[in-house]
PDB file of N, CA and C in Angstrom:
ATOM      1  N   MET A   1    -170.000 -49.253-100.850  1.00  0.00           N
ATOM      2  CA  MET A   1    -168.701 -49.090-101.074  1.00  0.00           C
ATOM      3  C   MET A   1    -167.980 -48.989 -99.755  1.00  0.00           C
ATOM      4  N   LYS A   2    -166.878 -49.647 -99.599  1.00  0.00           N
ATOM      5  CA  LYS A   2    -166.221 -49.576 -98.430  1.00  0.00           C
ATOM      6  C   LYS A   2    -165.066 -48.422 -98.600  1.00  0.00           C
ATOM      7  N   THR A   3    -164.808 -47.780 -97.423  1.00  0.00           N
ATOM      8  CA  THR A   3    -163.625 -46.873 -97.467  1.00  0.00           C
ATOM      9  C   THR A   3    -163.125 -46.776 -96.159  1.00  0.00           C
ATOM     10  N   ALA A   4    -161.869 -46.260 -96.161  1.00  0.00           N
ATOM     11  CA  ALA A   4    -161.164 -46.161 -94.864  1.00  0.00           C
ATOM     12  C   ALA A   4    -160.944 -44.712 -94.443  1.00  0.00           C
ATOM     13  N   ILE A   5    -161.086 -44.334 -93.237  1.00  0.00           N
ATOM     14  CA  ILE A   5    -160.940 -42.934 -92.815  1.00  0.00           C
ATOM     15  C   ILE A   5    -160.075 -43.005 -91.548  1.00  0.00           C
ATOM     16  N   SER A   6    -159.439 -41.808 -91.272  1.00  0.00           N
ATOM     17  CA  SER A   6    -158.621 -41.652 -89.987  1.00  0.00           C
ATOM     18  C   SER A   6    -159.377 -40.657 -89.216  1.00  0.00           C
ATOM     19  N   ILE A   7    -159.670 -40.951 -87.993  1.00  0.00           N
ATOM     20  CA  ILE A   7    -160.252 -40.030 -86.970  1.00  0.00           C
ATOM     21  C   ILE A   7    -159.629 -40.244 -85.685  1.00  0.00           C
ATOM     22  N   PRO A   8    -159.580 -39.162 -84.827  1.00  0.00           N
ATOM     23  CA  PRO A   8    -158.979 -39.317 -83.488  1.00  0.00           C
ATOM     24  C   PRO A   8    -159.699 -40.351 -82.658  1.00  0.00           C
ATOM     25  N   ASP A   9    -158.919 -40.964 -81.707  1.00  0.00           N
ATOM     26  CA  ASP A   9    -159.384 -42.094 -80.945  1.00  0.00           C
ATOM     27  C   ASP A   9    -160.557 -41.578 -80.195  1.00  0.00           C
ATOM     28  N   SER A  10    -160.609 -40.431 -79.690  1.00  0.00           N
ATOM     29  CA  SER A  10    -161.596 -39.930 -78.728  1.00  0.00           C
ATOM     30  C   SER A  10    -162.880 -39.851 -79.539  1.00  0.00           C
ATOM     31  N   LEU A  11    -162.850 -39.343 -80.849  1.00  0.00           N
ATOM     32  CA  LEU A  11    -164.069 -39.208 -81.767  1.00  0.00           C
ATOM     33  C   LEU A  11    -164.504 -40.660 -82.013  1.00  0.00           C
ATOM     34  N   PHE A  12    -163.716 -41.627 -82.286  1.00  0.00           N
ATOM     35  CA  PHE A  12    -164.057 -43.042 -82.493  1.00  0.00           C
ATOM     36  C   PHE A  12    -164.829 -43.565 -81.337  1.00  0.00           C
ATOM     37  N   CYS A  13    -164.272 -43.445 -80.162  1.00  0.00           N
ATOM     38  CA  CYS A  13    -164.923 -43.902 -78.948  1.00  0.00           C
ATOM     39  C   CYS A  13    -166.404 -43.277 -78.781  1.00  0.00           C
ATOM     40  N   THR A  14    -166.414 -41.996 -78.859  1.00  0.00           N
ATOM     41  CA  THR A  14    -167.639 -41.319 -78.752  1.00  0.00           C
ATOM     42  C   THR A  14    -168.700 -41.802 -79.765  1.00  0.00           C
ATOM     43  N   ALA A  15    -168.303 -41.960 -80.943  1.00  0.00           N
ATOM     44  CA  ALA A  15    -169.131 -42.423 -82.122  1.00  0.00           C
ATOM     45  C   ALA A  15    -169.472 -43.949 -81.704  1.00  0.00           C
ATOM     46  N   GLU A  16    -168.666 -44.733 -81.219  1.00  0.00           N
ATOM     47  CA  GLU A  16    -169.052 -46.111 -80.847  1.00  0.00           C
ATOM     48  C   GLU A  16    -170.037 -46.113 -79.810  1.00  0.00           C
ATOM     49  N   SER A  17    -169.950 -45.251 -78.787  1.00  0.00           N
ATOM     50  CA  SER A  17    -170.919 -45.222 -77.732  1.00  0.00           C
ATOM     51  C   SER A  17    -172.331 -44.667 -78.290  1.00  0.00           C
ATOM     52  N   LEU A  18    -172.329 -43.736 -79.093  1.00  0.00           N
ATOM     53  CA  LEU A  18    -173.562 -43.197 -79.645  1.00  0.00           C
ATOM     54  C   LEU A  18    -174.102 -44.321 -80.583  1.00  0.00           C
ATOM     55  N   ALA A  19    -173.542 -44.944 -81.474  1.00  0.00           N
ATOM     56  CA  ALA A  19    -174.078 -46.003 -82.210  1.00  0.00           C
ATOM     57  C   ALA A  19    -174.689 -47.140 -81.387  1.00  0.00           C
ATOM     58  N   GLU A  20    -174.028 -47.513 -80.319  1.00  0.00           N
ATOM     59  CA  GLU A  20    -174.560 -48.544 -79.425  1.00  0.00           C
ATOM     60  C   GLU A  20    -175.774 -48.020 -78.793  1.00  0.00           C
ATOM     61  N   ARG A  21    -175.812 -46.802 -78.297  1.00  0.00           N
ATOM     62  CA  ARG A  21    -177.029 -46.240 -77.611  1.00  0.00           C
ATOM     63  C   ARG A  21    -178.291 -46.110 -78.597  1.00  0.00           C
ATOM     64  N   MET A  22    -177.861 -45.852 -79.864  1.00  0.00           N
ATOM     65  CA  MET A  22    -178.926 -45.735 -80.829  1.00  0.00           C
ATOM     66  C   MET A  22    -179.329 -47.081 -81.527  1.00  0.00           C
ATOM     67  N   GLY A  23    -178.634 -48.064 -81.075  1.00  0.00           N
ATOM     68  CA  GLY A  23    -178.934 -49.488 -81.672  1.00  0.00           C
ATOM     69  C   GLY A  23    -178.604 -49.540 -83.193  1.00  0.00           C
ATOM     70  N   MET A  24    -177.588 -49.026 -83.586  1.00  0.00           N
ATOM     71  CA  MET A  24    -177.176 -48.974 -85.033  1.00  0.00           C
ATOM     72  C   MET A  24    -175.687 -49.427 -85.176  1.00  0.00           C
ATOM     73  N   SER A  25    -175.284 -49.907 -86.330  1.00  0.00           N
ATOM     74  CA  SER A  25    -173.924 -50.174 -86.591  1.00  0.00           C
ATOM     75  C   SER A  25    -173.037 -48.877 -86.723  1.00  0.00           C
ATOM     76  N   ARG A  26    -171.804 -49.131 -86.562  1.00  0.00           N
ATOM     77  CA  ARG A  26    -170.910 -47.910 -86.773  1.00  0.00           C
ATOM     78  C   ARG A  26    -171.041 -47.335 -88.189  1.00  0.00           C
ATOM     79  N   SER A  27    -171.170 -48.328 -89.265  1.00  0.00           N
ATOM     80  CA  SER A  27    -171.464 -47.846 -90.619  1.00  0.00           C
ATOM     81  C   SER A  27    -172.632 -47.003 -90.768  1.00  0.00           C
ATOM     82  N   GLU A  28    -173.664 -47.516 -90.167  1.00  0.00           N
ATOM     83  CA  GLU A  28    -174.946 -46.694 -90.166  1.00  0.00           C
ATOM     84  C   GLU A  28    -174.860 -45.309 -89.628  1.00  0.00           C
ATOM     85  N   LEU A  29    -174.175 -45.238 -88.477  1.00  0.00           N
ATOM     86  CA  LEU A  29    -173.930 -43.940 -87.849  1.00  0.00           C
ATOM     87  C   LEU A  29    -173.213 -43.004 -88.746  1.00  0.00           C
ATOM     88  N   TYR A  30    -172.094 -43.472 -89.220  1.00  0.00           N
ATOM     89  CA  TYR A  30    -171.225 -42.668 -90.095  1.00  0.00           C
ATOM     90  C   TYR A  30    -171.936 -42.210 -91.355  1.00  0.00           C
ATOM     91  N   ARG A  31    -172.856 -43.117 -91.968  1.00  0.00           N
ATOM     92  CA  ARG A  31    -173.553 -42.764 -93.083  1.00  0.00           C
ATOM     93  C   ARG A  31    -174.632 -41.723 -92.821  1.00  0.00           C
ATOM     94  N   HIS A  32    -175.299 -41.913 -91.635  1.00  0.00           N
ATOM     95  CA  HIS A  32    -176.317 -40.816 -91.332  1.00  0.00           C
ATOM     96  C   HIS A  32    -175.570 -39.547 -91.080  1.00  0.00           C
ATOM     97  N   ALA A  33    -174.475 -39.557 -90.393  1.00  0.00           N
ATOM     98  CA  ALA A  33    -173.725 -38.299 -90.135  1.00  0.00           C
ATOM     99  C   ALA A  33    -173.304 -37.691 -91.334  1.00  0.00           C
ATOM    100  N   LEU A  34    -172.795 -38.334 -92.336  1.00  0.00           N
ATOM    101  CA  LEU A  34    -172.310 -37.769 -93.567  1.00  0.00           C
ATOM    102  C   LEU A  34    -173.518 -37.267 -94.335  1.00  0.00           C
ATOM    103  N   GLU A  35    -174.702 -38.081 -94.417  1.00  0.00           N
ATOM    104  CA  GLU A  35    -175.742 -37.505 -95.063  1.00  0.00           C
ATOM    105  C   GLU A  35    -176.288 -36.151 -94.515  1.00  0.00           C
ATOM    106  N   SER A  36    -176.215 -36.104 -93.228  1.00  0.00           N
ATOM    107  CA  SER A  36    -176.744 -34.912 -92.606  1.00  0.00           C
ATOM    108  C   SER A  36    -175.785 -33.707 -92.853  1.00  0.00           C
ATOM    109  N   TYR A  37    -174.531 -33.953 -92.850  1.00  0.00           N
ATOM    110  CA  TYR A  37    -173.449 -32.874 -93.222  1.00  0.00           C
ATOM    111  C   TYR A  37    -173.740 -32.517 -94.570  1.00  0.00           C
ATOM    112  N   ILE A  38    -173.903 -33.421 -95.607  1.00  0.00           N
ATOM    113  CA  ILE A  38    -174.134 -33.060 -97.026  1.00  0.00           C
ATOM    114  C   ILE A  38    -175.278 -32.217 -97.139  1.00  0.00           C
ATOM    115  N   GLU A  39    -176.341 -32.680 -96.560  1.00  0.00           N
ATOM    116  CA  GLU A  39    -177.724 -31.979 -96.560  1.00  0.00           C
ATOM    117  C   GLU A  39    -177.466 -30.524 -96.142  1.00  0.00           C
ATOM    118  N   GLU A  40    -176.792 -30.412 -94.985  1.00  0.00           N
ATOM    119  CA  GLU A  40    -176.627 -29.019 -94.318  1.00  0.00           C
ATOM    120  C   GLU A  40    -175.870 -28.061 -95.297  1.00  0.00           C
ATOM    121  N   HIS A  41    -174.922 -28.593 -96.134  1.00  0.00           N
ATOM    122  CA  HIS A  41    -174.124 -27.812 -96.970  1.00  0.00           C
ATOM    123  C   HIS A  41    -174.498 -27.821 -98.489  1.00  0.00           C
ATOM    124  N   LYS A  42    -175.634 -28.411 -98.857  1.00  0.00           N
ATOM    125  CA  LYS A  42    -175.950 -28.511-100.180  1.00  0.00           C
ATOM    126  C   LYS A  42    -176.074 -27.327-101.064  1.00  0.00           C
ATOM    127  N   HIS A  43    -176.383 -26.272-100.262  1.00  0.00           N
ATOM    128  CA  HIS A  43    -176.716 -25.010-100.896  1.00  0.00           C
ATOM    129  C   HIS A  43    -175.645 -23.929-100.671  1.00  0.00           C
ATOM    130  N   ASP A  44    -174.451 -24.376-100.215  1.00  0.00           N
ATOM    131  CA  ASP A  44    -173.275 -23.469-100.056  1.00  0.00           C
ATOM    132  C   ASP A  44    -172.972 -22.668-101.266  1.00  0.00           C
ATOM    133  N   LYS A  45    -172.941 -23.365-102.392  1.00  0.00           N
ATOM    134  CA  LYS A  45    -172.500 -22.668-103.599  1.00  0.00           C
ATOM    135  C   LYS A  45    -173.569 -21.695-104.089  1.00  0.00           C
ATOM    136  N   VAL A  46    -174.789 -22.053-103.853  1.00  0.00           N
ATOM    137  CA  VAL A  46    -175.836 -21.045-104.091  1.00  0.00           C
ATOM    138  C   VAL A  46    -175.822 -19.791-103.327  1.00  0.00           C
ATOM    139  N   GLN A  47    -175.500 -20.022-102.029  1.00  0.00           N
ATOM    140  CA  GLN A  47    -175.371 -18.897-101.086  1.00  0.00           C
ATOM    141  C   GLN A  47    -174.162 -17.977-101.489  1.00  0.00           C
ATOM    142  N   ASP A  48    -173.133 -18.729-101.709  1.00  0.00           N
ATOM    143  CA  ASP A  48    -171.949 -17.871-102.289  1.00  0.00           C
ATOM    144  C   ASP A  48    -172.215 -17.126-103.493  1.00  0.00           C
ATOM    145  N   ALA A  49    -172.910 -17.729-104.422  1.00  0.00           N
ATOM    146  CA  ALA A  49    -173.174 -17.008-105.670  1.00  0.00           C
ATOM    147  C   ALA A  49    -174.089 -15.833-105.303  1.00  0.00           C
ATOM    148  N   LEU A  50    -175.183 -16.063-104.545  1.00  0.00           N
ATOM    149  CA  LEU A  50    -176.052 -14.925-104.141  1.00  0.00           C
ATOM    150  C   LEU A  50    -175.311 -13.777-103.460  1.00  0.00           C
ATOM    151  N   ASP A  51    -174.391 -14.220-102.591  1.00  0.00           N
ATOM    152  CA  ASP A  51    -173.688 -13.188-101.800  1.00  0.00           C
ATOM    153  C   ASP A  51    -172.808 -12.309-102.775  1.00  0.00           C
ATOM    154  N   ASN A  52    -172.149 -12.988-103.747  1.00  0.00           N
ATOM    155  CA  ASN A  52    -171.422 -12.382-104.792  1.00  0.00           C
ATOM    156  C   ASN A  52    -172.148 -11.407-105.590  1.00  0.00           C
ATOM    157  N   VAL A  53    -173.376 -11.767-105.998  1.00  0.00           N
ATOM    158  CA  VAL A  53    -174.322 -10.891-106.743  1.00  0.00           C
ATOM    159  C   VAL A  53    -174.761  -9.688-105.956  1.00  0.00           C
ATOM    160  N   TYR A  54    -174.857  -9.877-104.633  1.00  0.00           N
ATOM    161  CA  TYR A  54    -175.481  -8.642-103.831  1.00  0.00           C
ATOM    162  C   TYR A  54    -174.481  -7.907-103.090  1.00  0.00           C
ATOM    163  N   THR A  55    -173.165  -8.160-103.294  1.00  0.00           N
ATOM    164  CA  THR A  55    -172.191  -7.438-102.684  1.00  0.00           C
ATOM    165  C   THR A  55    -172.005  -6.088-103.343  1.00  0.00           C
ATOM    166  N   GLU A  56    -171.662  -5.074-102.738  1.00  0.00           N
ATOM    167  CA  GLU A  56    -171.369  -3.711-103.393  1.00  0.00           C
ATOM    168  C   GLU A  56    -170.336  -3.775-104.344  1.00  0.00           C
ATOM    169  N   GLU A  57    -169.208  -4.603-104.129  1.00  0.00           N
ATOM    170  CA  GLU A  57    -168.166  -4.494-105.032  1.00  0.00           C
ATOM    171  C   GLU A  57    -168.514  -5.118-106.338  1.00  0.00           C
ATOM    172  N   SER A  58    -169.442  -5.993-106.422  1.00  0.00           N
ATOM    173  CA  SER A  58    -169.710  -6.734-107.768  1.00  0.00           C
ATOM    174  C   SER A  58    -171.058  -6.255-108.212  1.00  0.00           C
ATOM    175  N   SER A  59    -171.710  -5.247-107.625  1.00  0.00           N
ATOM    176  CA  SER A  59    -172.967  -4.726-108.082  1.00  0.00           C
ATOM    177  C   SER A  59    -172.709  -3.910-109.374  1.00  0.00           C
ATOM    178  N   SER A  60    -173.514  -4.081-110.254  1.00  0.00           N
ATOM    179  CA  SER A  60    -173.527  -3.330-111.563  1.00  0.00           C
ATOM    180  C   SER A  60    -174.626  -2.362-111.649  1.00  0.00           C
ATOM    181  N   VAL A  61    -175.345  -2.223-110.506  1.00  0.00           N
ATOM    182  CA  VAL A  61    -176.471  -1.290-110.411  1.00  0.00           C
ATOM    183  C   VAL A  61    -175.926   0.186-110.467  1.00  0.00           C
ATOM    184  N   ASP A  62    -176.491   1.073-111.196  1.00  0.00           N
ATOM    185  CA  ASP A  62    -176.167   2.436-111.239  1.00  0.00           C
ATOM    186  C   ASP A  62    -176.180   2.992-109.813  1.00  0.00           C
ATOM    187  N   GLU A  63    -175.199   3.746-109.466  1.00  0.00           N
ATOM    188  CA  GLU A  63    -175.202   4.294-108.029  1.00  0.00           C
ATOM    189  C   GLU A  63    -176.399   5.198-107.795  1.00  0.00           C
ATOM    190  N   ALA A  64    -176.825   6.052-108.683  1.00  0.00           N
ATOM    191  CA  ALA A  64    -178.049   6.982-108.455  1.00  0.00           C
ATOM    192  C   ALA A  64    -179.357   5.995-108.309  1.00  0.00           C
ATOM    193  N   LEU A  65    -179.424   4.880-109.149  1.00  0.00           N
ATOM    194  CA  LEU A  65    -180.542   4.011-108.974  1.00  0.00           C
ATOM    195  C   LEU A  65    -180.505   3.370-107.648  1.00  0.00           C
ATOM    196  N   ALA A  66    -179.355   2.836-107.176  1.00  0.00           N
ATOM    197  CA  ALA A  66    -179.290   2.259-105.985  1.00  0.00           C
ATOM    198  C   ALA A  66    -179.722   3.182-104.781  1.00  0.00           C
ATOM    199  N   GLU A  67    -179.186   4.436-104.901  1.00  0.00           N
ATOM    200  CA  GLU A  67    -179.687   5.314-103.845  1.00  0.00           C
ATOM    201  C   GLU A  67    -181.188   5.560-103.780  1.00  0.00           C
ATOM    202  N   MET A  68    -181.803   5.562-104.864  1.00  0.00           N
ATOM    203  CA  MET A  68    -183.200   5.773-104.979  1.00  0.00           C
ATOM    204  C   MET A  68    -183.904   4.559-104.469  1.00  0.00           C
ATOM    205  N   GLN A  69    -183.374   3.376-104.743  1.00  0.00           N
ATOM    206  CA  GLN A  69    -183.878   2.094-104.234  1.00  0.00           C
ATOM    207  C   GLN A  69    -183.952   2.167-102.666  1.00  0.00           C
ATOM    208  N   TRP A  70    -182.721   2.536-102.142  1.00  0.00           N
ATOM    209  CA  TRP A  70    -182.582   2.531-100.696  1.00  0.00           C
ATOM    210  C   TRP A  70    -183.498   3.584-100.113  1.00  0.00           C
ATOM    211  N   ALA A  71    -183.700   4.859-100.773  1.00  0.00           N
ATOM    212  CA  ALA A  71    -184.519   5.890-100.198  1.00  0.00           C
ATOM    213  C   ALA A  71    -186.017   5.375-100.244  1.00  0.00           C
ATOM    214  N   SER A  72    -186.401   4.481-101.153  1.00  0.00           N
ATOM    215  CA  SER A  72    -187.826   4.022-101.255  1.00  0.00           C
ATOM    216  C   SER A  72    -188.111   3.022-100.161  1.00  0.00           C
ATOM    217  N   LEU A  73    -187.203   2.498 -99.471  1.00  0.00           N
ATOM    218  CA  LEU A  73    -187.459   1.482 -98.413  1.00  0.00           C
ATOM    219  C   LEU A  73    -188.024   2.125 -97.170  1.00  0.00           C
ATOM    220  N   PRO A  74    -188.958   1.567 -96.451  1.00  0.00           N
ATOM    221  CA  PRO A  74    -189.428   2.167 -95.283  1.00  0.00           C
ATOM    222  C   PRO A  74    -188.272   2.140 -94.111  1.00  0.00           C
ATOM    223  N   LYS A  75    -188.357   3.174 -93.342  1.00  0.00           N
ATOM    224  CA  LYS A  75    -187.227   3.312 -92.363  1.00  0.00           C
ATOM    225  C   LYS A  75    -187.778   2.570 -90.999  1.00  0.00           C
ATOM    226  N   GLU A  76    -186.983   1.604 -90.642  1.00  0.00           N
ATOM    227  CA  GLU A  76    -187.369   0.709 -89.474  1.00  0.00           C
ATOM    228  C   GLU A  76    -186.204   0.708 -88.507  1.00  0.00           C
ATOM    229  N   ASP A  77    -186.390   0.704 -87.234  1.00  0.00           N
ATOM    230  CA  ASP A  77    -185.472   0.652 -86.235  1.00  0.00           C
ATOM    231  C   ASP A  77    -185.309  -0.938 -85.993  1.00  0.00           C
ATOM    232  N   TRP A  78    -184.172  -1.420 -86.025  1.00  0.00           N
ATOM    233  CA  TRP A  78    -183.787  -2.792 -85.756  1.00  0.00           C
ATOM    234  C   TRP A  78    -183.286  -2.907 -84.364  1.00  0.00           C
TER     235      TRP A  78
END
């Protein structure tokens, strides 16, 4: 599929140089870059959901139980 995007001239020139050094077309470079970006962020929603589950504000754990859980953890200096 073909698509058109707008990028700053300096980024375009840098990408052109990189593609040439790597012996690939501009399209290949952009495809690889986009694949890498997507791979890097594929778990963002999972992380957000886990963060929401484990925040104090959204915790449904009984306060006394939470205190007992914290007290049961070994004390370590970080």
